[in-house]
Amino acid sequence: MSFPLWFRRWRALRGVPVLAADSPEGTIVQASGIARTTDANDPFVPSLAAVPCVVAWTKLFTPAVPAGRNAATIVIERLLIRPFVLETDDMDLIVDTSHVKLLFPIRMEGRAHEISIAVGSAITVIGTVLRDGVDRPTDDLAFRDTQAACKLVGNKRHPVVITASVSDTRAR
């Protein structure tokens, strides 16, 4: 039985607190913002979306070589994903994508199915807070000081969930 996308999205977001600056490490939180690539990663350009993306999942269905009634279908599936930055109102988060679950509608065109998250799109990410553990001064930052890095990570039991943003009111 397949639940509608809106129901799966609601079930994933329900009861999950919003990320705050003082959220403790190891807490599962949600954060909404704009998806950006990291400095080290180039965006992907999937075939159906044809725009730079931070996440691209493609599934192709091709008929097997012996055509006929009993010919098998070959399925080619590819997930292109790297860590990316989520720009929120308060801070920039690094989203670790080793274990991810995508709650987006599937774009279908012919024998190709695709889910893509474009650079600059408003998304909501649910994940476990991981801080870098470095104590930094709380007042002004000096020349070589950096902001504390905060990551949203997942594992097999609690993957990072990425879905469309609750409110697309932020400027892109």
C-alpha atoms as a PDB file:
ATOM      1  CA  MET A   1       0.000   0.000   0.000  1.00  0.00           C
ATOM      2  CA  SER A   2       1.437   3.326  -1.031  1.00  0.00           C
ATOM      3  CA  PHE A   3       0.589   6.417   0.974  1.00  0.00           C
ATOM      4  CA  PRO A   4       0.244   9.761  -0.796  1.00  0.00           C
ATOM      5  CA  LEU A   5       3.329  11.960  -0.724  1.00  0.00           C
ATOM      6  CA  TRP A   6       1.693  14.635   1.446  1.00  0.00           C
ATOM      7  CA  PHE A   7       0.868  12.038   4.112  1.00  0.00           C
ATOM      8  CA  ARG A   8       4.407  10.618   4.179  1.00  0.00           C
ATOM      9  CA  ARG A   9       5.771  14.164   4.424  1.00  0.00           C
ATOM     10  CA  TRP A  10       3.380  15.067   7.253  1.00  0.00           C
ATOM     11  CA  ARG A  11       4.254  11.886   9.153  1.00  0.00           C
ATOM     12  CA  ALA A  12       7.994  12.587   8.834  1.00  0.00           C
ATOM     13  CA  LEU A  13       7.711  16.218  10.004  1.00  0.00           C
ATOM     14  CA  ARG A  14       5.195  15.683  12.813  1.00  0.00           C
ATOM     15  CA  GLY A  15       6.649  16.134  16.279  1.00  0.00           C
ATOM     16  CA  VAL A  16      10.179  16.953  15.073  1.00  0.00           C
ATOM     17  CA  PRO A  17      11.473  20.149  16.735  1.00  0.00           C
ATOM     18  CA  VAL A  18      12.931  22.985  14.669  1.00  0.00           C
ATOM     19  CA  LEU A  19      16.702  23.420  14.845  1.00  0.00           C
ATOM     20  CA  ALA A  20      17.831  26.147  17.254  1.00  0.00           C
ATOM     21  CA  ALA A  21      21.290  27.527  17.981  1.00  0.00           C
ATOM     22  CA  ASP A  22      21.293  25.677  21.316  1.00  0.00           C
ATOM     23  CA  SER A  23      19.960  22.330  20.041  1.00  0.00           C
ATOM     24  CA  PRO A  24      22.024  19.611  21.743  1.00  0.00           C
ATOM     25  CA  GLU A  25      24.145  17.225  19.738  1.00  0.00           C
ATOM     26  CA  GLY A  26      22.409  13.939  18.920  1.00  0.00           C
ATOM     27  CA  THR A  27      18.918  15.467  18.730  1.00  0.00           C
ATOM     28  CA  ILE A  28      16.761  14.804  15.661  1.00  0.00           C
ATOM     29  CA  VAL A  29      15.622  18.187  14.313  1.00  0.00           C
ATOM     30  CA  GLN A  30      14.220  19.789  11.190  1.00  0.00           C
ATOM     31  CA  ALA A  31      15.643  22.796   9.372  1.00  0.00           C
ATOM     32  CA  SER A  32      14.233  24.702   6.407  1.00  0.00           C
ATOM     33  CA  GLY A  33      16.322  26.730   4.013  1.00  0.00           C
ATOM     34  CA  ILE A  34      17.880  27.056   0.585  1.00  0.00           C
ATOM     35  CA  ALA A  35      20.009  24.255  -0.902  1.00  0.00           C
ATOM     36  CA  ARG A  36      23.502  25.332  -2.029  1.00  0.00           C
ATOM     37  CA  THR A  37      26.564  23.392  -3.120  1.00  0.00           C
ATOM     38  CA  THR A  38      29.681  23.323  -0.977  1.00  0.00           C
ATOM     39  CA  ASP A  39      32.810  25.027  -2.263  1.00  0.00           C
ATOM     40  CA  ALA A  40      34.420  21.682  -3.109  1.00  0.00           C
ATOM     41  CA  ASN A  41      31.468  20.149  -4.977  1.00  0.00           C
ATOM     42  CA  ASP A  42      30.134  20.967  -8.396  1.00  0.00           C
ATOM     43  CA  PRO A  43      26.388  20.604  -8.948  1.00  0.00           C
ATOM     44  CA  PHE A  44      24.956  17.770 -11.055  1.00  0.00           C
ATOM     45  CA  VAL A  45      22.904  18.359 -14.198  1.00  0.00           C
ATOM     46  CA  PRO A  46      20.428  15.465 -14.551  1.00  0.00           C
ATOM     47  CA  SER A  47      18.911  14.679 -17.929  1.00  0.00           C
ATOM     48  CA  LEU A  48      15.248  15.508 -17.240  1.00  0.00           C
ATOM     49  CA  ALA A  49      15.685  18.542 -14.993  1.00  0.00           C
ATOM     50  CA  ALA A  50      18.483  20.113 -17.095  1.00  0.00           C
ATOM     51  CA  VAL A  51      19.362  22.517 -14.251  1.00  0.00           C
ATOM     52  CA  PRO A  52      22.200  22.318 -11.688  1.00  0.00           C
ATOM     53  CA  CYS A  53      21.128  20.108  -8.766  1.00  0.00           C
ATOM     54  CA  VAL A  54      22.482  19.021  -5.380  1.00  0.00           C
ATOM     55  CA  VAL A  55      20.566  15.712  -5.501  1.00  0.00           C
ATOM     56  CA  ALA A  56      19.638  13.706  -8.604  1.00  0.00           C
ATOM     57  CA  TRP A  57      17.980  10.266  -8.633  1.00  0.00           C
ATOM     58  CA  THR A  58      17.261   8.697 -12.023  1.00  0.00           C
ATOM     59  CA  LYS A  59      15.640   5.389 -12.927  1.00  0.00           C
ATOM     60  CA  LEU A  60      15.556   4.205 -16.548  1.00  0.00           C
ATOM     61  CA  PHE A  61      13.510   1.303 -17.902  1.00  0.00           C
ATOM     62  CA  THR A  62      14.872  -0.224 -21.102  1.00  0.00           C
ATOM     63  CA  PRO A  63      13.613  -3.313 -22.920  1.00  0.00           C
ATOM     64  CA  ALA A  64      15.923  -6.307 -23.073  1.00  0.00           C
ATOM     65  CA  VAL A  65      17.592  -7.234 -26.376  1.00  0.00           C
ATOM     66  CA  PRO A  66      15.270 -10.106 -27.412  1.00  0.00           C
ATOM     67  CA  ALA A  67      12.060  -8.227 -28.104  1.00  0.00           C
ATOM     68  CA  GLY A  68       8.837 -10.116 -27.642  1.00  0.00           C
ATOM     69  CA  ARG A  69       6.077 -10.807 -25.204  1.00  0.00           C
ATOM     70  CA  ASN A  70       8.290 -12.371 -22.547  1.00  0.00           C
ATOM     71  CA  ALA A  71      11.210  -9.955 -22.839  1.00  0.00           C
ATOM     72  CA  ALA A  72      12.535  -8.738 -19.503  1.00  0.00           C
ATOM     73  CA  THR A  73      12.933  -5.078 -18.727  1.00  0.00           C
ATOM     74  CA  ILE A  74      16.346  -3.820 -17.635  1.00  0.00           C
ATOM     75  CA  VAL A  75      16.230  -1.208 -14.874  1.00  0.00           C
ATOM     76  CA  ILE A  76      19.112   1.220 -14.480  1.00  0.00           C
ATOM     77  CA  GLU A  77      19.027   3.279 -11.304  1.00  0.00           C
ATOM     78  CA  ARG A  78      21.486   6.033 -10.341  1.00  0.00           C
ATOM     79  CA  LEU A  79      21.678   8.340  -7.326  1.00  0.00           C
ATOM     80  CA  LEU A  80      24.016  11.318  -7.549  1.00  0.00           C
ATOM     81  CA  ILE A  81      24.364  13.049  -4.207  1.00  0.00           C
ATOM     82  CA  ARG A  82      27.115  14.757  -2.239  1.00  0.00           C
ATOM     83  CA  PRO A  83      27.126  16.744   0.983  1.00  0.00           C
ATOM     84  CA  PHE A  84      25.565  20.161   0.465  1.00  0.00           C
ATOM     85  CA  VAL A  85      24.916  23.364   2.414  1.00  0.00           C
ATOM     86  CA  LEU A  86      21.489  24.322   3.731  1.00  0.00           C
ATOM     87  CA  GLU A  87      21.262  28.100   4.207  1.00  0.00           C
ATOM     88  CA  THR A  88      18.782  28.852   6.991  1.00  0.00           C
ATOM     89  CA  ASP A  89      17.884  32.241   8.459  1.00  0.00           C
ATOM     90  CA  ASP A  90      20.177  31.684  11.452  1.00  0.00           C
ATOM     91  CA  MET A  91      23.087  29.561  10.194  1.00  0.00           C
ATOM     92  CA  ASP A  92      24.503  27.478   7.375  1.00  0.00           C
ATOM     93  CA  LEU A  93      24.292  23.709   7.888  1.00  0.00           C
ATOM     94  CA  ILE A  94      26.206  20.954   6.150  1.00  0.00           C
ATOM     95  CA  VAL A  95      23.889  18.080   5.218  1.00  0.00           C
ATOM     96  CA  ASP A  96      25.660  14.712   5.221  1.00  0.00           C
ATOM     97  CA  THR A  97      24.112  12.486   2.585  1.00  0.00           C
ATOM     98  CA  SER A  98      25.469   9.030   3.387  1.00  0.00           C
ATOM     99  CA  HIS A  99      21.965   7.792   4.370  1.00  0.00           C
ATOM    100  CA  VAL A 100      19.123   9.741   2.782  1.00  0.00           C
ATOM    101  CA  LYS A 101      15.385   9.420   2.140  1.00  0.00           C
ATOM    102  CA  LEU A 102      13.803  11.664  -0.496  1.00  0.00           C
ATOM    103  CA  LEU A 103      10.161  12.731  -0.156  1.00  0.00           C
ATOM    104  CA  PHE A 104       9.657  14.478  -3.483  1.00  0.00           C
ATOM    105  CA  PRO A 105       7.309  13.822  -6.385  1.00  0.00           C
ATOM    106  CA  ILE A 106       8.785  11.705  -9.163  1.00  0.00           C
ATOM    107  CA  ARG A 107       9.101  13.404 -12.552  1.00  0.00           C
ATOM    108  CA  MET A 108       8.253  10.881 -15.291  1.00  0.00           C
ATOM    109  CA  GLU A 109       9.004  11.293 -18.963  1.00  0.00           C
ATOM    110  CA  GLY A 110       8.765   8.281 -21.228  1.00  0.00           C
ATOM    111  CA  ARG A 111      10.775   5.471 -19.659  1.00  0.00           C
ATOM    112  CA  ALA A 112      12.710   7.752 -17.311  1.00  0.00           C
ATOM    113  CA  HIS A 113      11.790   8.599 -13.726  1.00  0.00           C
ATOM    114  CA  GLU A 114      13.650  11.312 -11.852  1.00  0.00           C
ATOM    115  CA  ILE A 115      13.798  13.164  -8.536  1.00  0.00           C
ATOM    116  CA  SER A 116      16.017  16.232  -8.472  1.00  0.00           C
ATOM    117  CA  ILE A 117      16.657  19.042  -6.011  1.00  0.00           C
ATOM    118  CA  ALA A 118      17.886  22.135  -7.804  1.00  0.00           C
ATOM    119  CA  VAL A 119      20.479  24.499  -6.398  1.00  0.00           C
ATOM    120  CA  GLY A 120      18.569  27.377  -4.814  1.00  0.00           C
ATOM    121  CA  SER A 121      15.376  25.443  -4.097  1.00  0.00           C
ATOM    122  CA  ALA A 122      13.638  25.738  -0.718  1.00  0.00           C
ATOM    123  CA  ILE A 123      13.770  22.431   1.172  1.00  0.00           C
ATOM    124  CA  THR A 124      13.248  21.021   4.652  1.00  0.00           C
ATOM    125  CA  VAL A 125      15.787  18.548   6.029  1.00  0.00           C
ATOM    126  CA  ILE A 126      15.306  16.268   9.037  1.00  0.00           C
ATOM    127  CA  GLY A 127      18.466  14.862  10.586  1.00  0.00           C
ATOM    128  CA  THR A 128      20.551  14.357  13.704  1.00  0.00           C
ATOM    129  CA  VAL A 129      22.540  17.362  14.937  1.00  0.00           C
ATOM    130  CA  LEU A 130      26.317  16.915  14.922  1.00  0.00           C
ATOM    131  CA  ARG A 131      28.535  19.762  16.068  1.00  0.00           C
ATOM    132  CA  ASP A 132      32.271  20.047  15.386  1.00  0.00           C
ATOM    133  CA  GLY A 133      33.114  20.189  19.099  1.00  0.00           C
ATOM    134  CA  VAL A 134      35.544  23.095  18.869  1.00  0.00           C
ATOM    135  CA  ASP A 135      35.119  25.871  21.434  1.00  0.00           C
ATOM    136  CA  ARG A 136      35.210  29.239  19.735  1.00  0.00           C
ATOM    137  CA  PRO A 137      34.969  32.751  21.131  1.00  0.00           C
ATOM    138  CA  THR A 138      31.387  33.906  21.487  1.00  0.00           C
ATOM    139  CA  ASP A 139      32.152  37.576  20.837  1.00  0.00           C
ATOM    140  CA  ASP A 140      33.767  38.890  17.636  1.00  0.00           C
ATOM    141  CA  LEU A 141      35.550  36.454  15.362  1.00  0.00           C
ATOM    142  CA  ALA A 142      39.176  37.170  14.496  1.00  0.00           C
ATOM    143  CA  PHE A 143      40.781  36.973  11.057  1.00  0.00           C
ATOM    144  CA  ARG A 144      41.330  33.202  10.931  1.00  0.00           C
ATOM    145  CA  ASP A 145      38.471  32.158  13.190  1.00  0.00           C
ATOM    146  CA  THR A 146      35.529  30.385  11.604  1.00  0.00           C
ATOM    147  CA  GLN A 147      31.942  29.859  12.594  1.00  0.00           C
ATOM    148  CA  ALA A 148      31.176  26.620  14.386  1.00  0.00           C
ATOM    149  CA  ALA A 149      30.224  23.946  11.880  1.00  0.00           C
ATOM    150  CA  CYS A 150      26.900  22.239  12.417  1.00  0.00           C
ATOM    151  CA  LYS A 151      25.910  19.160  10.440  1.00  0.00           C
ATOM    152  CA  LEU A 152      22.720  17.219   9.938  1.00  0.00           C
ATOM    153  CA  VAL A 153      23.606  13.545   9.635  1.00  0.00           C
ATOM    154  CA  GLY A 154      21.746  10.265   9.388  1.00  0.00           C
ATOM    155  CA  ASN A 155      22.276   6.523   9.674  1.00  0.00           C
ATOM    156  CA  LYS A 156      20.488   3.395   8.452  1.00  0.00           C
ATOM    157  CA  ARG A 157      17.948   3.524  11.257  1.00  0.00           C
ATOM    158  CA  HIS A 158      17.321   7.297  11.072  1.00  0.00           C
ATOM    159  CA  PRO A 159      18.249   8.557   7.588  1.00  0.00           C
ATOM    160  CA  VAL A 160      18.345  12.205   6.634  1.00  0.00           C
ATOM    161  CA  VAL A 161      14.901  13.047   5.218  1.00  0.00           C
ATOM    162  CA  ILE A 162      14.775  15.714   2.505  1.00  0.00           C
ATOM    163  CA  THR A 163      11.433  17.159   1.407  1.00  0.00           C
ATOM    164  CA  ALA A 164      10.004  20.324  -0.127  1.00  0.00           C
ATOM    165  CA  SER A 165       9.994  23.273   2.262  1.00  0.00           C
ATOM    166  CA  VAL A 166       6.980  23.848   4.453  1.00  0.00           C
ATOM    167  CA  SER A 167       6.861  27.491   3.374  1.00  0.00           C
ATOM    168  CA  ASP A 168       8.345  28.587   0.083  1.00  0.00           C
ATOM    169  CA  THR A 169       8.172  32.231   1.179  1.00  0.00           C
ATOM    170  CA  ARG A 170      11.936  32.766   1.402  1.00  0.00           C
ATOM    171  CA  ALA A 171      13.543  34.659  -1.464  1.00  0.00           C
ATOM    172  CA  ARG A 172      15.659  32.476  -3.684  1.00  0.00           C
END
